[in-house]
C-alpha atoms as a PDB file:
ATOM      1  CA  MET A   1     129.117  78.478  87.408  1.00  0.00           C
ATOM      2  CA  SER A   2     131.880  80.291  89.233  1.00  0.00           C
ATOM      3  CA  GLN A   3     131.495  82.436  92.319  1.00  0.00           C
ATOM      4  CA  VAL A   4     132.474  85.546  90.359  1.00  0.00           C
ATOM      5  CA  THR A   5     129.626  84.995  87.893  1.00  0.00           C
ATOM      6  CA  GLU A   6     127.140  84.455  90.736  1.00  0.00           C
ATOM      7  CA  GLU A   7     128.205  87.686  92.458  1.00  0.00           C
ATOM      8  CA  ARG A   8     127.969  89.625  89.202  1.00  0.00           C
ATOM      9  CA  ASP A   9     124.494  88.277  88.389  1.00  0.00           C
ATOM     10  CA  GLY A  10     123.220  89.058  91.870  1.00  0.00           C
ATOM     11  CA  VAL A  11     122.217  85.448  92.550  1.00  0.00           C
ATOM     12  CA  ARG A  12     122.745  84.336  96.109  1.00  0.00           C
ATOM     13  CA  THR A  13     122.923  80.818  97.326  1.00  0.00           C
ATOM     14  CA  PRO A  14     120.654  79.745 100.212  1.00  0.00           C
ATOM     15  CA  GLU A  15     123.668  79.578 102.521  1.00  0.00           C
ATOM     16  CA  GLU A  16     124.270  83.330 102.103  1.00  0.00           C
ATOM     17  CA  THR A  17     120.652  84.406 102.648  1.00  0.00           C
ATOM     18  CA  ARG A  18     119.641  84.987 106.260  1.00  0.00           C
ATOM     19  CA  GLU A  19     116.101  85.732 107.323  1.00  0.00           C
ATOM     20  CA  ILE A  20     115.442  87.824 110.405  1.00  0.00           C
ATOM     21  CA  GLY A  21     112.504  86.704 112.495  1.00  0.00           C
ATOM     22  CA  HIS A  22     110.219  88.867 114.591  1.00  0.00           C
ATOM     23  CA  ASP A  23     112.125  88.039 117.761  1.00  0.00           C
ATOM     24  CA  GLU A  24     115.454  89.154 116.300  1.00  0.00           C
ATOM     25  CA  TYR A  25     114.203  92.397 114.763  1.00  0.00           C
ATOM     26  CA  ASP A  26     115.005  95.349 117.025  1.00  0.00           C
ATOM     27  CA  PRO A  27     113.776  98.664 115.584  1.00  0.00           C
ATOM     28  CA  VAL A  28     115.945 100.935 117.744  1.00  0.00           C
ATOM     29  CA  GLY A  29     116.673 103.357 114.916  1.00  0.00           C
ATOM     30  CA  THR A  30     112.987 103.818 114.168  1.00  0.00           C
ATOM     31  CA  LEU A  31     112.213 104.477 117.819  1.00  0.00           C
ATOM     32  CA  VAL A  32     115.052 107.005 118.030  1.00  0.00           C
ATOM     33  CA  LEU A  33     113.697 108.901 115.006  1.00  0.00           C
ATOM     34  CA  ILE A  34     110.162 108.919 116.407  1.00  0.00           C
ATOM     35  CA  GLY A  35     111.493 110.199 119.748  1.00  0.00           C
ATOM     36  CA  LEU A  36     113.550 112.888 118.016  1.00  0.00           C
ATOM     37  CA  TYR A  37     110.554 114.074 115.992  1.00  0.00           C
ATOM     38  CA  PHE A  38     108.433 114.131 119.145  1.00  0.00           C
ATOM     39  CA  LEU A  39     111.033 116.247 120.978  1.00  0.00           C
ATOM     40  CA  ILE A  40     111.183 118.683 118.053  1.00  0.00           C
ATOM     41  CA  LEU A  41     107.385 118.902 118.058  1.00  0.00           C
ATOM     42  CA  VAL A  42     107.279 119.611 121.807  1.00  0.00           C
ATOM     43  CA  ALA A  43     110.055 122.217 121.540  1.00  0.00           C
ATOM     44  CA  LEU A  44     108.236 124.005 118.723  1.00  0.00           C
ATOM     45  CA  TRP A  45     104.977 123.861 120.663  1.00  0.00           C
ATOM     46  CA  PHE A  46     106.633 125.507 123.700  1.00  0.00           C
ATOM     47  CA  PHE A  47     108.241 128.111 121.438  1.00  0.00           C
ATOM     48  CA  MET A  48     104.916 128.984 119.821  1.00  0.00           C
ATOM     49  CA  TYR A  49     103.223 129.148 123.217  1.00  0.00           C
ATOM     50  CA  PHE A  50     105.743 131.634 124.561  1.00  0.00           C
ATOM     51  CA  VAL A  51     105.865 133.699 121.364  1.00  0.00           C
ATOM     52  CA  GLU A  52     102.155 133.778 120.546  1.00  0.00           C
ATOM     53  CA  PHE A  53     100.137 133.396 123.707  1.00  0.00           C
ATOM     54  CA  LEU A  54     102.288 134.549 126.618  1.00  0.00           C
ATOM     55  CA  GLY A  55     101.828 138.174 125.594  1.00  0.00           C
ATOM     56  CA  ASN A  56      98.493 139.953 125.809  1.00  0.00           C
ATOM     57  CA  ASP A  57      97.345 139.499 122.224  1.00  0.00           C
ATOM     58  CA  PRO A  58      98.052 136.745 119.743  1.00  0.00           C
ATOM     59  CA  THR A  59     100.277 138.064 116.976  1.00  0.00           C
ATOM     60  CA  VAL A  60     101.499 136.806 113.663  1.00  0.00           C
ATOM     61  CA  VAL A  61     105.176 135.923 113.950  1.00  0.00           C
ATOM     62  CA  GLY A  62     107.333 137.952 111.595  1.00  0.00           C
ATOM     63  CA  THR A  63     105.108 141.000 111.162  1.00  0.00           C
ATOM     64  CA  VAL A  64     106.665 143.433 113.581  1.00  0.00           C
ATOM     65  CA  MET A  65     105.736 147.004 112.717  1.00  0.00           C
ATOM     66  CA  GLY A  66     108.215 149.712 113.591  1.00  0.00           C
ATOM     67  CA  VAL A  67     107.340 153.016 115.194  1.00  0.00           C
ATOM     68  CA  LEU A  68     106.511 155.577 112.496  1.00  0.00           C
END
């Protein structure tokens, strides 16, 4: 069987397959995404605190009534 046929069929030889153990796995990308989501959550929490509760009464955001 030629190498071209093996590549087309999707069959890999054991020499090409590499397993990653627990010690080699470094989930930096996952930690960055979790940190980014946490920062977004904290920023939105601060925004809602200042918009909703810093004034005298809690209000619903987006329902501003004009003076008649």
